[in-house]
Amino acid sequence: MKNMKKYKFISLLVIFLLSITLTSCLKDLDVVPLDKNVITSANAFDDPASYKQFLAKVYAGFAVTGQQGPAGKPDISGDEGASDYLRQYWNLQELSTDEAIVAWANDGSLIDLHDQDWTASNSFVSSLYSRIFYQIVLCNEYIRQTTDSKLDSRGVSAELKSQVVEYRAEARFIRALSYWHAVDLFGNVPFVTEADEVGGFKPLQKSRSEVFNYVEQELLGVESQLKEPMQNEYGRVDKVAAWMVLAKLYLNAEVYINQPKYTEALVYLNKIIAAGFTLSPEYKNIFLADNNTNTEIIMRVAFDGTHTESYGGTNFIIHAAVGGTMVPGDFGIAGGWSGLRTTPQFVAKFSDITGISDKRATFYTDGQTLDIAGKTTFTNGYGITKYKNITSTGENGSSEEFVDTDYPMFRLADAYLMYAECVLRGGSGGDLNTALGYINALRERAYGNTTGNIASSDLTLDFILDERSRELYWEGHRRTDLIRFGKFSNTTYVWAWKGDVAAGVSTGDYMNLYPIPASDIMTNPNLTQNIGY
């Protein structure tokens, strides 16, 4: 595995950042340490290799929590190893829905996510909020340190300067992605860019519309500077990733800014689909330990059992889903954490719950009940075996403790489903027959033949929502999808333990947004809490 994943950006130069938090009150910002071996913002880029190493730190921010693996030196305070960006994003996007429930009653306020009774003091909401803005801080500092004037003052070579243009565009993309997550999850958010001075100030809060417009302009601005489709190094983004986030932004524009932008979404979905990515012949192979070569994944968060020691990301998803009578070795791991399962309402999305017809149904039923009488009993609720630390040829990953399986943040199948939805919602630039062909391509893969194909009369918005769940479950899309379709909170669609009731109940529609953490509200008078909290 190790040699196949040679571009893992985890062995990093520790860059000294002055702007560790958005509300820091640092003083004497221009003081240079007497010890010349200490890395500071003044000397961090003396080594030309530092530009790529710092960019590596930016990418690694999705997967890891500090500098030395899960046991030391966290970037921000919290549960070192388990508080990474991706794990917290997955928790808020999946545990709050019908796709996932967790058994860990003693894990703080985690179980409140599925109950949909979180508050502004929820530690997991706060953890993701902090990770998002820490990631933005990293990007801001990188962009701040890579201006033409900074590069010229350091005597950077023309060749390196050309490379840094691409690095800088990737950092701007990652910042835009993080701000999109912030807009989607929190609405009106504090806003800081590289133009703001480093140090102690309390950022102003921008409206959802203002940040939407900023993300849109940033993505359009970096599009021409990113690598052509599939021409970048493994683990780094290209133009297609920017197109995908633009399409996501436009797809959800009615939620974010009360304006339909399905036509705009179709412009970029057409580009994505024509970019050269192809569907994986086997659905299961997208989520295995050698998915680093998978041609369907548009953007990935890279993991490596030898070099990415984290209790988050796919390591969390794989370990936490194993328990009961499951054999950990069947998943390429030494032991399971007995946490994650799914609800009967999600199981019902598949016509054949044994998974014989639709191969995407990866349910584990031995010793597991369909109904969930007790939230904290792992054997209540079917297991999910979608992700494994085993290769497509049956070999184990490089480590049984930390997995090799990359996380597919965006993939081509999602673009197919988004295309069909935008056509059904009235967007121009698409075609219903083409949309039907895309959906049936996914279903032919799922069924192994044409028996699962649908007719044009079956292609409805309700069908698309269910098909998105069948195709994309446990990939971090469900909460956003349910909100877009009006089925997340205040709705007749309920699932087991929604609202902390066994049969499920409707919840307040204010929960379509998470709260700004109470700690940030208290320390920054410029922030206004979301309604309902």
Protein backbone atom coordinates (compact mmCIF):
# COMPACT_ATOMS: atom_id res chain seq x y z
CA MET A 1 0.00 0.00 0.00
CA LYS A 2 2.67 2.44 1.01
CA ASN A 3 4.33 2.58 -2.39
CA MET A 4 0.96 2.97 -4.13
CA LYS A 5 0.14 6.01 -2.03
CA LYS A 6 3.36 7.92 -2.44
CA TYR A 7 1.81 11.39 -2.31
CA LYS A 8 0.52 11.29 1.25
CA PHE A 9 1.00 14.81 2.57
CA ILE A 10 1.34 14.01 6.26
CA SER A 11 5.06 14.29 7.09
CA LEU A 12 5.05 18.03 7.59
CA LEU A 13 7.19 20.97 8.47
CA VAL A 14 5.62 22.54 11.56
CA ILE A 15 4.84 26.11 10.46
CA PHE A 16 4.64 28.71 13.21
CA LEU A 17 1.30 30.51 12.68
CA LEU A 18 0.55 33.74 14.42
CA SER A 19 -3.20 33.47 13.82
CA ILE A 20 -4.06 30.22 15.60
CA THR A 21 -7.63 31.25 16.46
CA LEU A 22 -10.00 33.83 15.06
CA THR A 23 -10.36 35.64 18.36
CA SER A 24 -6.76 35.41 19.60
CA CYS A 25 -5.32 38.37 21.43
CA LEU A 26 -1.65 37.97 20.57
CA LYS A 27 0.78 40.80 21.26
CA ASP A 28 4.23 41.73 20.02
CA LEU A 29 3.57 40.09 16.69
CA ASP A 30 6.84 41.25 15.18
CA VAL A 31 9.09 39.76 17.86
CA VAL A 32 11.65 37.35 16.37
CA PRO A 33 12.93 34.57 18.67
CA LEU A 34 16.61 34.69 19.62
CA ASP A 35 16.93 30.97 18.85
CA LYS A 36 17.56 30.87 15.11
CA ASN A 37 16.42 27.23 14.97
CA VAL A 38 12.86 28.17 15.91
CA ILE A 39 10.59 28.26 12.88
CA THR A 40 8.58 31.47 12.67
CA SER A 41 6.57 33.24 9.99
CA ALA A 42 9.74 35.25 9.29
CA ASN A 43 11.92 32.29 8.36
CA ALA A 44 9.49 29.48 7.59
CA PHE A 45 9.93 29.92 3.83
CA ASP A 46 13.71 30.16 3.76
CA ASP A 47 13.67 26.62 2.43
CA PRO A 48 12.01 26.54 -1.03
CA ALA A 49 10.49 23.15 -0.17
CA SER A 50 8.45 24.85 2.56
CA TYR A 51 5.86 26.12 0.09
CA LYS A 52 4.74 22.61 -0.75
CA GLN A 53 5.15 21.42 2.83
CA PHE A 54 2.87 24.16 4.14
CA LEU A 55 0.34 23.29 1.44
CA ALA A 56 0.59 19.70 2.69
CA LYS A 57 -0.40 20.95 6.13
CA VAL A 58 -3.47 22.61 4.62
CA TYR A 59 -4.56 19.39 2.93
CA ALA A 60 -3.78 17.34 6.02
CA GLY A 61 -6.12 19.54 8.04
CA PHE A 62 -9.06 17.44 6.86
CA ALA A 63 -7.55 14.18 8.09
CA VAL A 64 -5.35 14.75 11.14
CA THR A 65 -5.54 16.80 14.30
CA GLY A 66 -1.93 17.70 15.02
CA GLN A 67 1.71 17.21 14.18
CA GLN A 68 2.61 13.83 15.67
CA GLY A 69 -0.31 11.49 15.16
CA PRO A 70 -3.16 10.92 17.60
CA ALA A 71 -1.03 11.03 20.74
CA GLY A 72 0.64 14.42 20.75
CA LYS A 73 0.66 18.15 19.96
CA PRO A 74 -2.86 18.95 18.76
CA ASP A 75 -3.39 21.94 16.49
CA ILE A 76 -6.31 23.14 18.61
CA SER A 77 -7.57 22.06 22.01
CA GLY A 78 -9.80 19.02 21.99
CA ASP A 79 -9.67 15.25 21.73
CA GLU A 80 -6.36 14.81 19.94
CA GLY A 81 -6.70 12.17 17.25
CA ALA A 82 -10.50 12.10 17.20
CA SER A 83 -11.42 15.75 16.64
CA ASP A 84 -10.33 15.96 13.01
CA TYR A 85 -12.31 17.98 10.47
CA LEU A 86 -13.64 15.02 8.50
CA ARG A 87 -14.84 12.98 11.49
CA GLN A 88 -16.73 15.94 12.92
CA TYR A 89 -18.16 16.86 9.50
CA TRP A 90 -19.34 13.28 9.02
CA ASN A 91 -20.93 13.27 12.47
CA LEU A 92 -22.96 16.42 11.84
CA GLN A 93 -23.95 15.40 8.30
CA GLU A 94 -24.83 11.76 8.99
CA LEU A 95 -25.67 11.17 12.66
CA SER A 96 -28.38 13.84 12.47
CA THR A 97 -30.22 11.83 9.79
CA ASP A 98 -31.86 8.50 9.03
CA GLU A 99 -28.59 7.03 7.70
CA ALA A 100 -26.64 6.64 10.94
CA ILE A 101 -27.01 6.32 14.69
CA VAL A 102 -24.31 5.88 17.33
CA ALA A 103 -24.33 3.73 20.46
CA TRP A 104 -21.87 5.72 22.58
CA ALA A 105 -23.93 7.15 25.45
CA ASN A 106 -20.80 8.15 27.36
CA ASP A 107 -19.30 10.18 24.51
CA GLY A 108 -20.42 13.63 25.66
CA SER A 109 -23.18 15.13 23.56
CA LEU A 110 -22.57 13.00 20.47
CA ILE A 111 -25.83 11.09 20.77
CA ASP A 112 -27.72 14.40 20.80
CA LEU A 113 -26.90 14.76 17.10
CA HIS A 114 -29.18 11.87 16.18
CA ASP A 115 -31.80 12.98 18.70
CA GLN A 116 -31.85 16.41 17.02
CA ASP A 117 -31.84 18.07 20.43
CA TRP A 118 -28.40 19.64 20.36
CA THR A 119 -27.73 23.03 21.92
CA ALA A 120 -25.22 25.84 21.44
CA SER A 121 -23.02 24.06 24.00
CA ASN A 122 -22.76 20.81 22.03
CA SER A 123 -19.07 19.91 22.00
CA PHE A 124 -19.21 18.16 18.62
CA VAL A 125 -20.84 21.15 16.94
CA SER A 126 -18.18 23.36 18.51
CA SER A 127 -15.42 20.99 17.41
CA LEU A 128 -16.36 21.14 13.73
CA TYR A 129 -16.88 24.91 13.90
CA SER A 130 -13.36 25.26 15.31
CA ARG A 131 -11.90 22.92 12.70
CA ILE A 132 -13.54 24.81 9.83
CA PHE A 133 -12.17 28.13 10.97
CA TYR A 134 -8.77 26.73 11.86
CA GLN A 135 -8.60 25.43 8.29
CA ILE A 136 -9.54 28.87 7.03
CA VAL A 137 -6.80 30.40 9.21
CA LEU A 138 -4.24 28.02 7.69
CA CYS A 139 -5.34 28.92 4.18
CA ASN A 140 -5.31 32.65 4.95
CA GLU A 141 -1.76 32.46 6.24
CA TYR A 142 -0.57 30.48 3.24
CA ILE A 143 -2.18 32.95 0.85
CA ARG A 144 -0.77 35.85 2.87
CA GLN A 145 2.75 34.40 2.63
CA THR A 146 2.66 33.69 -1.12
CA THR A 147 1.96 37.07 -2.68
CA ASP A 148 4.16 38.18 -5.56
CA SER A 149 5.82 40.76 -3.33
CA LYS A 150 6.60 38.14 -0.66
CA LEU A 151 8.02 35.75 -3.23
CA ASP A 152 10.13 38.47 -4.84
CA SER A 153 11.49 39.59 -1.47
CA ARG A 154 12.68 36.03 -0.84
CA GLY A 155 14.32 35.72 -4.25
CA VAL A 156 12.15 32.79 -5.28
CA SER A 157 13.08 31.27 -8.64
CA ALA A 158 10.79 31.74 -11.63
CA GLU A 159 10.12 28.00 -11.74
CA LEU A 160 9.08 27.85 -8.10
CA LYS A 161 7.07 31.03 -8.45
CA SER A 162 5.09 29.38 -11.24
CA GLN A 163 4.42 26.36 -9.03
CA VAL A 164 3.35 28.55 -6.13
CA VAL A 165 0.64 30.07 -8.32
CA GLU A 166 -0.96 26.63 -8.44
CA TYR A 167 -0.33 25.97 -4.74
CA ARG A 168 -1.95 29.27 -3.86
CA ALA A 169 -5.00 28.49 -6.02
CA GLU A 170 -5.39 25.17 -4.21
CA ALA A 171 -5.26 26.92 -0.83
CA ARG A 172 -7.92 29.36 -2.02
CA PHE A 173 -10.04 26.42 -3.16
CA ILE A 174 -9.73 24.70 0.23
CA ARG A 175 -10.67 27.95 1.97
CA ALA A 176 -13.72 28.29 -0.29
CA LEU A 177 -14.68 24.68 0.43
CA SER A 178 -14.44 25.35 4.17
CA TYR A 179 -16.54 28.50 3.87
CA TRP A 180 -19.12 26.49 1.90
CA HIS A 181 -19.28 24.02 4.77
CA ALA A 182 -19.68 26.94 7.17
CA VAL A 183 -22.52 28.45 5.12
CA ASP A 184 -24.25 25.09 4.82
CA LEU A 185 -23.98 24.17 8.50
CA PHE A 186 -24.10 27.51 10.33
CA GLY A 187 -25.57 30.14 7.98
CA ASN A 188 -24.26 33.59 8.95
CA VAL A 189 -20.66 33.17 10.06
CA PRO A 190 -17.60 35.18 11.12
CA PHE A 191 -15.52 36.12 8.12
CA VAL A 192 -11.77 36.57 7.80
CA THR A 193 -9.46 36.53 4.77
CA GLU A 194 -5.76 37.12 4.17
CA ALA A 195 -6.53 40.84 3.96
CA ASP A 196 -7.21 40.97 7.70
CA GLU A 197 -4.32 41.66 10.03
CA VAL A 198 -2.96 38.80 12.07
CA GLY A 199 -3.62 39.03 15.76
CA GLY A 200 -6.21 40.09 18.28
CA PHE A 201 -9.43 41.25 16.67
CA LYS A 202 -12.97 40.01 16.67
CA PRO A 203 -14.19 39.26 13.15
CA LEU A 204 -17.46 40.59 11.83
CA GLN A 205 -20.28 38.26 10.94
CA LYS A 206 -21.25 38.03 7.27
CA SER A 207 -24.68 37.00 6.04
CA ARG A 208 -25.23 33.69 4.32
CA SER A 209 -25.74 35.55 1.04
CA GLU A 210 -22.50 37.48 1.39
CA VAL A 211 -20.45 34.37 2.09
CA PHE A 212 -22.27 32.51 -0.71
CA ASN A 213 -21.19 35.25 -3.12
CA TYR A 214 -17.63 35.16 -1.79
CA VAL A 215 -17.34 31.39 -2.22
CA GLU A 216 -18.73 31.64 -5.74
CA GLN A 217 -16.27 34.37 -6.74
CA GLU A 218 -13.30 32.59 -5.18
CA LEU A 219 -14.05 29.37 -7.04
CA LEU A 220 -14.52 31.22 -10.31
CA GLY A 221 -11.30 33.11 -9.63
CA VAL A 222 -9.12 30.03 -9.09
CA GLU A 223 -10.65 27.88 -11.83
CA SER A 224 -8.14 28.95 -14.49
CA GLN A 225 -5.17 28.49 -12.11
CA LEU A 226 -5.93 24.94 -11.03
CA LYS A 227 -4.56 21.93 -12.90
CA GLU A 228 -6.53 20.45 -15.77
CA PRO A 229 -8.74 17.45 -14.93
CA MET A 230 -6.78 14.50 -13.52
CA GLN A 231 -3.41 16.22 -14.14
CA ASN A 232 -2.47 16.99 -10.54
CA GLU A 233 -0.54 14.86 -8.07
CA TYR A 234 -2.40 12.19 -6.15
CA GLY A 235 -4.43 13.71 -3.31
CA ARG A 236 -4.40 17.26 -4.71
CA VAL A 237 -7.34 18.99 -6.38
CA ASP A 238 -7.86 20.14 -9.94
CA LYS A 239 -10.44 22.19 -11.86
CA VAL A 240 -13.10 19.50 -11.46
CA ALA A 241 -13.09 19.83 -7.69
CA ALA A 242 -13.82 23.55 -8.07
CA TRP A 243 -16.60 22.79 -10.55
CA MET A 244 -18.07 20.31 -8.09
CA VAL A 245 -18.23 22.79 -5.22
CA LEU A 246 -19.73 25.40 -7.55
CA ALA A 247 -22.38 22.88 -8.61
CA LYS A 248 -23.08 22.05 -4.94
CA LEU A 249 -23.35 25.75 -4.12
CA TYR A 250 -25.81 26.34 -6.95
CA LEU A 251 -27.80 23.16 -6.26
CA ASN A 252 -28.51 24.40 -2.72
CA ALA A 253 -28.90 28.08 -3.59
CA GLU A 254 -32.64 28.10 -2.84
CA VAL A 255 -31.81 27.05 0.71
CA TYR A 256 -28.86 29.41 1.11
CA ILE A 257 -30.04 32.60 -0.63
CA ASN A 258 -33.64 31.86 -1.66
CA GLN A 259 -32.75 31.94 -5.35
CA PRO A 260 -32.88 28.97 -7.75
CA LYS A 261 -29.62 28.40 -9.59
CA TYR A 262 -30.18 25.00 -11.19
CA THR A 263 -29.24 26.29 -14.62
CA GLU A 264 -25.91 27.50 -13.26
CA ALA A 265 -25.39 24.13 -11.58
CA LEU A 266 -25.95 22.33 -14.88
CA VAL A 267 -23.21 24.40 -16.55
CA TYR A 268 -20.65 22.91 -14.19
CA LEU A 269 -22.19 19.46 -13.98
CA ASN A 270 -21.85 19.17 -17.75
CA LYS A 271 -18.16 20.11 -17.42
CA ILE A 272 -17.65 17.57 -14.63
CA ILE A 273 -19.28 14.74 -16.52
CA ALA A 274 -17.22 15.52 -19.64
CA ALA A 275 -13.92 15.76 -17.73
CA GLY A 276 -12.91 12.11 -18.14
CA PHE A 277 -13.78 10.53 -14.81
CA THR A 278 -15.51 7.15 -15.17
CA LEU A 279 -17.79 5.07 -12.99
CA SER A 280 -16.08 2.31 -11.07
CA PRO A 281 -17.24 -1.03 -12.55
CA GLU A 282 -17.82 -2.32 -9.01
CA TYR A 283 -19.55 -0.13 -6.43
CA LYS A 284 -17.81 -1.82 -3.51
CA ASN A 285 -14.34 -0.99 -4.83
CA ILE A 286 -14.88 2.75 -4.30
CA PHE A 287 -14.66 2.21 -0.54
CA LEU A 288 -11.74 -0.21 -0.20
CA ALA A 289 -8.10 0.19 0.79
CA ASP A 290 -6.82 0.54 -2.80
CA ASN A 291 -9.37 3.18 -3.83
CA ASN A 292 -6.46 5.56 -4.39
CA THR A 293 -6.55 4.42 -8.03
CA ASN A 294 -10.32 4.64 -8.41
CA THR A 295 -11.31 6.67 -11.46
CA GLU A 296 -14.68 7.77 -10.08
CA ILE A 297 -13.42 9.83 -7.14
CA ILE A 298 -13.19 13.53 -8.01
CA MET A 299 -11.85 14.72 -4.68
CA ARG A 300 -10.58 12.54 -1.87
CA VAL A 301 -9.23 12.95 1.64
CA ALA A 302 -6.18 10.69 1.54
CA PHE A 303 -5.49 8.17 4.29
CA ASP A 304 -2.58 5.80 4.77
CA GLY A 305 -2.26 3.34 7.62
CA THR A 306 1.47 3.92 7.87
CA HIS A 307 1.61 7.69 7.47
CA THR A 308 -1.81 9.02 8.52
CA GLU A 309 -2.33 8.14 12.15
CA SER A 310 -5.75 9.51 12.98
CA TYR A 311 -8.83 8.25 14.78
CA GLY A 312 -10.96 10.21 12.35
CA GLY A 313 -12.01 10.00 8.73
CA THR A 314 -12.35 6.53 7.26
CA ASN A 315 -10.47 5.08 10.23
CA PHE A 316 -13.37 6.21 12.41
CA ILE A 317 -16.05 5.07 9.97
CA ILE A 318 -14.58 1.58 9.55
CA HIS A 319 -13.71 0.88 13.20
CA ALA A 320 -16.87 2.41 14.67
CA ALA A 321 -19.11 0.34 12.39
CA VAL A 322 -17.68 -3.00 13.55
CA GLY A 323 -19.13 -4.78 16.58
CA GLY A 324 -21.51 -7.52 17.65
CA THR A 325 -20.81 -10.74 15.74
CA MET A 326 -18.78 -8.99 13.05
CA VAL A 327 -15.26 -10.32 12.57
CA PRO A 328 -12.84 -7.37 12.60
CA GLY A 329 -10.42 -9.24 10.33
CA ASP A 330 -13.07 -9.23 7.61
CA PHE A 331 -12.66 -5.45 7.57
CA GLY A 332 -8.86 -5.43 7.73
CA ILE A 333 -8.73 -4.17 11.31
CA ALA A 334 -7.72 -5.66 14.65
CA GLY A 335 -10.88 -4.68 16.53
CA GLY A 336 -14.12 -2.75 16.25
CA TRP A 337 -15.52 0.12 18.33
CA SER A 338 -19.21 -0.97 18.38
CA GLY A 339 -20.70 2.41 17.55
CA LEU A 340 -22.27 3.11 14.16
CA ARG A 341 -25.35 1.43 12.68
CA THR A 342 -28.29 2.52 10.56
CA THR A 343 -32.04 2.96 11.03
CA PRO A 344 -34.92 0.83 9.69
CA GLN A 345 -36.08 3.80 7.65
CA PHE A 346 -32.84 3.77 5.68
CA VAL A 347 -33.00 -0.01 5.23
CA ALA A 348 -36.47 0.46 3.74
CA LYS A 349 -34.95 2.50 0.89
CA PHE A 350 -33.88 -0.82 -0.62
CA SER A 351 -36.55 -3.08 -2.05
CA ASP A 352 -34.53 -6.16 -1.09
CA ILE A 353 -32.97 -5.74 2.34
CA THR A 354 -30.77 -8.79 1.90
CA GLY A 355 -28.79 -6.82 -0.66
CA ILE A 356 -29.06 -9.59 -3.27
CA SER A 357 -30.71 -7.35 -5.87
CA ASP A 358 -29.10 -4.00 -5.15
CA LYS A 359 -25.43 -4.54 -4.40
CA ARG A 360 -25.21 -1.15 -2.72
CA ALA A 361 -27.17 -2.56 0.25
CA THR A 362 -24.24 -3.48 2.50
CA PHE A 363 -26.29 -4.44 5.56
CA TYR A 364 -24.98 -6.70 8.30
CA THR A 365 -27.90 -8.51 9.95
CA ASP A 366 -26.42 -11.43 11.90
CA GLY A 367 -27.25 -10.79 15.55
CA GLN A 368 -28.57 -7.31 14.70
CA THR A 369 -32.23 -6.29 15.01
CA LEU A 370 -33.87 -4.13 12.37
CA ASP A 371 -35.68 -2.02 14.95
CA ILE A 372 -33.81 0.10 17.45
CA ALA A 373 -35.36 -0.41 20.88
CA GLY A 374 -32.29 1.06 22.55
CA LYS A 375 -30.08 3.75 21.03
CA THR A 376 -27.05 2.67 23.05
CA THR A 377 -27.26 -1.04 22.21
CA PHE A 378 -25.01 -1.69 19.22
CA THR A 379 -26.94 -4.80 18.14
CA ASN A 380 -30.09 -2.67 17.73
CA GLY A 381 -30.02 -1.55 14.12
CA TYR A 382 -28.47 -3.17 11.06
CA GLY A 383 -24.75 -2.76 10.56
CA ILE A 384 -23.16 -1.15 7.51
CA THR A 385 -20.18 -2.82 5.83
CA LYS A 386 -19.61 -0.29 3.04
CA TYR A 387 -16.08 0.80 4.00
CA LYS A 388 -13.24 -1.69 4.56
CA ASN A 389 -9.48 -1.64 5.07
CA ILE A 390 -9.13 -4.44 2.51
CA THR A 391 -8.13 -4.11 -1.13
CA SER A 392 -10.16 -5.15 -4.15
CA THR A 393 -7.90 -8.22 -4.39
CA GLY A 394 -8.60 -9.23 -0.79
CA GLU A 395 -5.36 -8.04 0.85
CA ASN A 396 -5.30 -6.21 4.16
CA GLY A 397 -4.23 -2.60 4.37
CA SER A 398 -0.78 -1.68 5.60
CA SER A 399 -1.94 -1.45 9.23
CA GLU A 400 -4.75 -2.98 11.28
CA GLU A 401 -4.92 0.07 13.53
CA PHE A 402 -5.00 2.85 10.94
CA VAL A 403 -6.62 2.31 7.53
CA ASP A 404 -5.50 2.91 3.95
CA THR A 405 -8.99 3.70 2.65
CA ASP A 406 -9.38 7.20 1.19
CA TYR A 407 -12.55 9.17 1.87
CA PRO A 408 -14.46 10.02 -1.34
CA MET A 409 -15.56 13.59 -0.72
CA PHE A 410 -16.90 13.97 -4.26
CA ARG A 411 -17.39 11.41 -7.01
CA LEU A 412 -18.88 11.14 -10.47
CA ALA A 413 -22.03 9.28 -9.37
CA ASP A 414 -23.01 12.32 -7.31
CA ALA A 415 -22.67 14.53 -10.40
CA TYR A 416 -25.03 12.18 -12.29
CA LEU A 417 -27.61 12.44 -9.51
CA MET A 418 -27.23 16.21 -9.25
CA TYR A 419 -27.68 16.53 -13.01
CA ALA A 420 -30.96 14.62 -12.90
CA GLU A 421 -32.22 16.67 -9.95
CA CYS A 422 -31.39 19.98 -11.60
CA VAL A 423 -33.23 18.93 -14.77
CA LEU A 424 -36.29 17.92 -12.74
CA ARG A 425 -36.17 21.25 -10.90
CA GLY A 426 -36.35 23.15 -14.17
CA GLY A 427 -32.73 24.02 -14.88
CA SER A 428 -31.80 24.82 -18.48
CA GLY A 429 -28.90 23.13 -20.21
CA GLY A 430 -29.88 19.57 -19.36
CA ASP A 431 -31.98 16.85 -20.93
CA LEU A 432 -34.44 14.45 -19.29
CA ASN A 433 -33.41 11.47 -21.42
CA THR A 434 -29.76 12.13 -20.61
CA ALA A 435 -30.65 12.34 -16.92
CA LEU A 436 -32.50 9.02 -17.15
CA GLY A 437 -29.45 7.46 -18.78
CA TYR A 438 -27.20 8.65 -15.96
CA ILE A 439 -29.52 7.25 -13.30
CA ASN A 440 -29.85 3.92 -15.06
CA ALA A 441 -26.07 3.69 -15.41
CA LEU A 442 -25.88 3.80 -11.61
CA ARG A 443 -28.66 1.25 -11.25
CA GLU A 444 -27.13 -1.12 -13.79
CA ARG A 445 -23.95 -1.08 -11.75
CA ALA A 446 -25.98 -1.64 -8.58
CA TYR A 447 -27.98 -4.58 -9.97
CA GLY A 448 -25.41 -6.03 -12.34
CA ASN A 449 -27.93 -5.86 -15.19
CA THR A 450 -30.90 -3.81 -16.41
CA THR A 451 -33.46 -5.28 -13.99
CA GLY A 452 -33.19 -2.23 -11.76
CA ASN A 453 -33.59 0.32 -14.55
CA ILE A 454 -36.40 2.85 -14.30
CA ALA A 455 -38.64 4.53 -16.87
CA SER A 456 -38.84 8.29 -17.37
CA SER A 457 -42.16 8.31 -15.51
CA ASP A 458 -40.34 6.97 -12.43
CA LEU A 459 -37.81 9.78 -12.45
CA THR A 460 -39.26 12.12 -9.83
CA LEU A 461 -37.73 14.30 -7.16
CA ASP A 462 -38.81 11.85 -4.45
CA PHE A 463 -37.09 9.07 -6.36
CA ILE A 464 -33.92 11.17 -6.69
CA LEU A 465 -33.79 11.80 -2.93
CA ASP A 466 -34.10 8.07 -2.21
CA GLU A 467 -31.61 7.18 -4.93
CA ARG A 468 -29.12 9.67 -3.53
CA SER A 469 -29.43 7.88 -0.20
CA ARG A 470 -28.96 4.45 -1.76
CA GLU A 471 -25.93 5.56 -3.75
CA LEU A 472 -24.24 8.04 -1.39
CA TYR A 473 -25.05 6.90 2.15
CA TRP A 474 -22.35 7.48 4.75
CA GLU A 475 -20.52 9.86 2.41
CA GLY A 476 -21.49 13.07 4.22
CA HIS A 477 -24.35 14.32 2.01
CA ARG A 478 -27.55 13.27 3.76
CA ARG A 479 -28.31 16.23 6.05
CA THR A 480 -27.83 18.74 3.23
CA ASP A 481 -30.00 16.62 0.92
CA LEU A 482 -32.83 16.27 3.43
CA ILE A 483 -32.85 20.02 4.08
CA ARG A 484 -32.98 20.78 0.35
CA PHE A 485 -35.97 18.45 -0.01
CA GLY A 486 -37.72 19.81 3.10
CA LYS A 487 -37.47 16.53 5.02
CA PHE A 488 -34.88 17.13 7.71
CA SER A 489 -36.52 18.71 10.74
CA ASN A 490 -40.10 20.03 10.80
CA THR A 491 -41.61 17.42 8.50
CA THR A 492 -43.74 14.28 8.46
CA TYR A 493 -40.67 12.28 7.48
CA VAL A 494 -39.27 10.82 10.69
CA TRP A 495 -36.90 8.02 11.62
CA ALA A 496 -36.01 6.02 14.71
CA TRP A 497 -35.08 8.29 17.63
CA LYS A 498 -35.42 11.52 15.72
CA GLY A 499 -36.47 14.02 18.36
CA ASP A 500 -35.35 11.55 21.07
CA VAL A 501 -38.52 9.45 20.58
CA ALA A 502 -38.24 5.80 19.62
CA ALA A 503 -40.66 6.05 16.69
CA GLY A 504 -39.34 9.48 15.70
CA VAL A 505 -41.05 12.88 15.76
CA SER A 506 -40.80 16.15 13.89
CA THR A 507 -38.38 18.73 15.30
CA GLY A 508 -38.13 22.51 15.07
CA ASP A 509 -37.18 23.83 11.65
CA TYR A 510 -34.59 26.11 13.28
CA MET A 511 -32.47 22.95 13.49
CA ASN A 512 -31.80 23.19 9.77
CA LEU A 513 -28.87 25.29 10.97
CA TYR A 514 -26.49 24.37 13.75
CA PRO A 515 -25.89 27.01 16.43
CA ILE A 516 -22.86 29.25 16.55
CA PRO A 517 -21.01 27.77 19.57
CA ALA A 518 -21.94 29.52 22.81
CA SER A 519 -18.25 30.09 23.59
CA ASP A 520 -17.79 32.12 20.40
CA ILE A 521 -20.97 34.11 21.02
CA MET A 522 -19.69 35.03 24.49
CA THR A 523 -16.24 36.13 23.32
CA ASN A 524 -17.19 37.95 20.13
CA PRO A 525 -19.88 40.67 20.47
CA ASN A 526 -20.03 40.95 16.67
CA LEU A 527 -21.80 37.58 16.40
CA THR A 528 -25.55 36.98 16.52
CA GLN A 529 -26.82 33.52 17.41
CA ASN A 530 -28.96 31.56 14.95
CA ILE A 531 -32.69 31.71 15.68
CA GLY A 532 -33.93 29.07 18.13
CA TYR A 533 -30.76 28.62 20.19
